[in-house]
């Protein structure tokens, strides 16, 4: 139910009371995301200045693409190769189990 609530907390170690605290909180109706839905421009501008960014207004959207610098730092090129097209890997897959079997046979373990 919406309203103001008080919580009293106590901690004990054995029979000894080691601490107490009281907390008051208010519960409102609705989902927290729906409270204060207006834009907080001051906070956005402060965050932008503290992080080296810039606050953009909706009417400046057309300029945004030109202001973003190009960088290859985040570009990843993935080159996938089939295992069967690499003869060295294919030979290793065949030779390792075969050599293990031959060694075990030579040592009399098979």
C-alpha atoms as a PDB file:
ATOM      1  CA  UNK A   1       0.000   0.000   0.000  1.00  0.00           C
ATOM      2  CA  UNK A   2       1.223   3.546  -0.637  1.00  0.00           C
ATOM      3  CA  UNK A   3       2.282   5.448   2.465  1.00  0.00           C
ATOM      4  CA  UNK A   4       5.154   6.192   4.835  1.00  0.00           C
ATOM      5  CA  UNK A   5       6.744   3.245   6.593  1.00  0.00           C
ATOM      6  CA  UNK A   6       9.221   2.912   9.463  1.00  0.00           C
ATOM      7  CA  UNK A   7      11.596  -0.024   9.799  1.00  0.00           C
ATOM      8  CA  UNK A   8      13.456  -0.762  13.030  1.00  0.00           C
ATOM      9  CA  UNK A   9      16.476  -3.045  12.726  1.00  0.00           C
ATOM     10  CA  UNK A  10      18.546  -4.531  15.525  1.00  0.00           C
ATOM     11  CA  UNK A  11      21.619  -6.758  15.390  1.00  0.00           C
ATOM     12  CA  UNK A  12      22.661  -9.221  18.068  1.00  0.00           C
ATOM     13  CA  UNK A  13      25.747 -11.308  18.612  1.00  0.00           C
ATOM     14  CA  UNK A  14      24.672 -14.132  20.875  1.00  0.00           C
ATOM     15  CA  UNK A  15      22.682 -12.441  23.641  1.00  0.00           C
ATOM     16  CA  UNK A  16      24.499  -9.114  23.250  1.00  0.00           C
ATOM     17  CA  UNK A  17      22.735  -6.263  21.393  1.00  0.00           C
ATOM     18  CA  UNK A  18      25.392  -4.820  19.029  1.00  0.00           C
ATOM     19  CA  UNK A  19      23.376  -2.173  17.222  1.00  0.00           C
ATOM     20  CA  UNK A  20      20.035  -0.693  16.232  1.00  0.00           C
ATOM     21  CA  UNK A  21      18.837   1.549  13.455  1.00  0.00           C
ATOM     22  CA  UNK A  22      15.586   3.043  12.254  1.00  0.00           C
ATOM     23  CA  UNK A  23      14.756   3.743   8.634  1.00  0.00           C
ATOM     24  CA  UNK A  24      11.805   5.660   7.245  1.00  0.00           C
ATOM     25  CA  UNK A  25      10.766   5.370   3.605  1.00  0.00           C
ATOM     26  CA  UNK A  26       7.827   6.343   1.476  1.00  0.00           C
ATOM     27  CA  UNK A  27       6.121   4.084  -1.022  1.00  0.00           C
ATOM     28  CA  UNK A  28       4.176   5.629  -3.877  1.00  0.00           C
ATOM     29  CA  UNK A  29       1.756   4.016  -6.263  1.00  0.00           C
ATOM     30  CA  UNK A  30       2.944   3.204  -9.783  1.00  0.00           C
ATOM     31  CA  UNK A  31       6.171   2.128 -11.463  1.00  0.00           C
ATOM     32  CA  UNK A  32       9.364   3.998 -10.547  1.00  0.00           C
ATOM     33  CA  UNK A  33      10.159   4.593 -14.241  1.00  0.00           C
ATOM     34  CA  UNK A  34       6.972   6.628 -14.579  1.00  0.00           C
ATOM     35  CA  UNK A  35       7.916   9.167 -11.892  1.00  0.00           C
ATOM     36  CA  UNK A  36       9.577  12.374 -13.090  1.00  0.00           C
ATOM     37  CA  UNK A  37       9.454  11.542 -16.804  1.00  0.00           C
ATOM     38  CA  UNK A  38      10.431  15.039 -17.953  1.00  0.00           C
ATOM     39  CA  UNK A  39      13.915  15.629 -19.364  1.00  0.00           C
ATOM     40  CA  UNK A  40      16.504  16.723 -16.795  1.00  0.00           C
ATOM     41  CA  UNK A  41      18.524  19.019 -19.086  1.00  0.00           C
ATOM     42  CA  UNK A  42      20.788  20.341 -16.302  1.00  0.00           C
ATOM     43  CA  UNK A  43      21.846  16.818 -15.358  1.00  0.00           C
ATOM     44  CA  UNK A  44      22.434  15.829 -18.999  1.00  0.00           C
ATOM     45  CA  UNK A  45      24.581  18.931 -19.644  1.00  0.00           C
ATOM     46  CA  UNK A  46      26.558  18.301 -16.450  1.00  0.00           C
ATOM     47  CA  UNK A  47      27.188  14.656 -17.399  1.00  0.00           C
ATOM     48  CA  UNK A  48      28.257  15.692 -20.904  1.00  0.00           C
ATOM     49  CA  UNK A  49      30.744  18.281 -19.617  1.00  0.00           C
ATOM     50  CA  UNK A  50      32.197  15.939 -16.980  1.00  0.00           C
ATOM     51  CA  UNK A  51      32.771  13.136 -19.487  1.00  0.00           C
ATOM     52  CA  UNK A  52      34.119  15.264 -22.328  1.00  0.00           C
ATOM     53  CA  UNK A  53      30.939  14.976 -24.346  1.00  0.00           C
ATOM     54  CA  UNK A  54      28.334  17.406 -25.536  1.00  0.00           C
ATOM     55  CA  UNK A  55      24.628  17.808 -24.882  1.00  0.00           C
ATOM     56  CA  UNK A  56      22.611  17.662 -28.104  1.00  0.00           C
ATOM     57  CA  UNK A  57      19.148  19.145 -28.495  1.00  0.00           C
ATOM     58  CA  UNK A  58      16.630  17.391 -30.768  1.00  0.00           C
ATOM     59  CA  UNK A  59      16.776  20.186 -33.375  1.00  0.00           C
ATOM     60  CA  UNK A  60      20.572  19.623 -33.702  1.00  0.00           C
ATOM     61  CA  UNK A  61      20.165  15.985 -34.705  1.00  0.00           C
ATOM     62  CA  UNK A  62      21.041  16.634 -38.363  1.00  0.00           C
ATOM     63  CA  UNK A  63      24.552  17.854 -37.321  1.00  0.00           C
ATOM     64  CA  UNK A  64      25.270  14.870 -35.084  1.00  0.00           C
ATOM     65  CA  UNK A  65      26.557  12.456 -37.761  1.00  0.00           C
ATOM     66  CA  UNK A  66      29.159  14.978 -39.000  1.00  0.00           C
ATOM     67  CA  UNK A  67      30.432  15.637 -35.467  1.00  0.00           C
ATOM     68  CA  UNK A  68      31.283  12.005 -34.676  1.00  0.00           C
ATOM     69  CA  UNK A  69      34.964  11.386 -35.493  1.00  0.00           C
ATOM     70  CA  UNK A  70      35.843   8.265 -37.474  1.00  0.00           C
ATOM     71  CA  UNK A  71      38.037   5.746 -35.689  1.00  0.00           C
ATOM     72  CA  UNK A  72      39.057   2.210 -36.610  1.00  0.00           C
ATOM     73  CA  UNK A  73      39.796   1.407 -32.952  1.00  0.00           C
ATOM     74  CA  UNK A  74      36.455  -0.301 -32.394  1.00  0.00           C
ATOM     75  CA  UNK A  75      36.228  -2.045 -35.766  1.00  0.00           C
ATOM     76  CA  UNK A  76      36.772  -5.785 -35.674  1.00  0.00           C
ATOM     77  CA  UNK A  77      37.341  -7.821 -38.789  1.00  0.00           C
ATOM     78  CA  UNK A  78      36.544 -11.475 -38.326  1.00  0.00           C
ATOM     79  CA  UNK A  79      38.019 -13.953 -40.783  1.00  0.00           C
ATOM     80  CA  UNK A  80      36.524 -17.426 -40.490  1.00  0.00           C
ATOM     81  CA  UNK A  81      38.381 -20.339 -42.022  1.00  0.00           C
ATOM     82  CA  UNK A  82      37.144 -23.870 -42.314  1.00  0.00           C
ATOM     83  CA  UNK A  83      39.230 -26.381 -40.408  1.00  0.00           C
ATOM     84  CA  UNK A  84      39.276 -28.680 -43.414  1.00  0.00           C
ATOM     85  CA  UNK A  85      40.963 -26.027 -45.567  1.00  0.00           C
ATOM     86  CA  UNK A  86      44.039 -25.941 -43.303  1.00  0.00           C
ATOM     87  CA  UNK A  87      46.205 -28.984 -44.069  1.00  0.00           C
ATOM     88  CA  UNK A  88      48.469 -28.498 -41.026  1.00  0.00           C
ATOM     89  CA  UNK A  89      45.563 -28.644 -38.572  1.00  0.00           C
ATOM     90  CA  UNK A  90      44.025 -31.563 -40.439  1.00  0.00           C
ATOM     91  CA  UNK A  91      47.311 -33.494 -40.276  1.00  0.00           C
ATOM     92  CA  UNK A  92      47.665 -32.780 -36.541  1.00  0.00           C
ATOM     93  CA  UNK A  93      44.179 -34.093 -35.918  1.00  0.00           C
ATOM     94  CA  UNK A  94      45.092 -37.297 -37.734  1.00  0.00           C
ATOM     95  CA  UNK A  95      48.680 -37.726 -36.485  1.00  0.00           C
ATOM     96  CA  UNK A  96      48.254 -37.076 -32.753  1.00  0.00           C
ATOM     97  CA  UNK A  97      45.825 -39.935 -32.047  1.00  0.00           C
ATOM     98  CA  UNK A  98      47.726 -42.208 -34.442  1.00  0.00           C
ATOM     99  CA  UNK A  99      51.084 -41.501 -32.800  1.00  0.00           C
ATOM    100  CA  UNK A 100      49.587 -42.041 -29.345  1.00  0.00           C
ATOM    101  CA  UNK A 101      48.238 -45.428 -30.448  1.00  0.00           C
ATOM    102  CA  UNK A 102      51.599 -46.400 -32.004  1.00  0.00           C
ATOM    103  CA  UNK A 103      53.505 -45.433 -28.830  1.00  0.00           C
ATOM    104  CA  UNK A 104      51.080 -47.356 -26.629  1.00  0.00           C
ATOM    105  CA  UNK A 105      51.478 -50.376 -28.924  1.00  0.00           C
ATOM    106  CA  UNK A 106      55.296 -50.100 -28.797  1.00  0.00           C
ATOM    107  CA  UNK A 107      55.257 -49.925 -24.981  1.00  0.00           C
ATOM    108  CA  UNK A 108      52.872 -52.864 -24.759  1.00  0.00           C
ATOM    109  CA  UNK A 109      49.950 -50.914 -23.321  1.00  0.00           C
ATOM    110  CA  UNK A 110      47.490 -51.893 -26.057  1.00  0.00           C
END
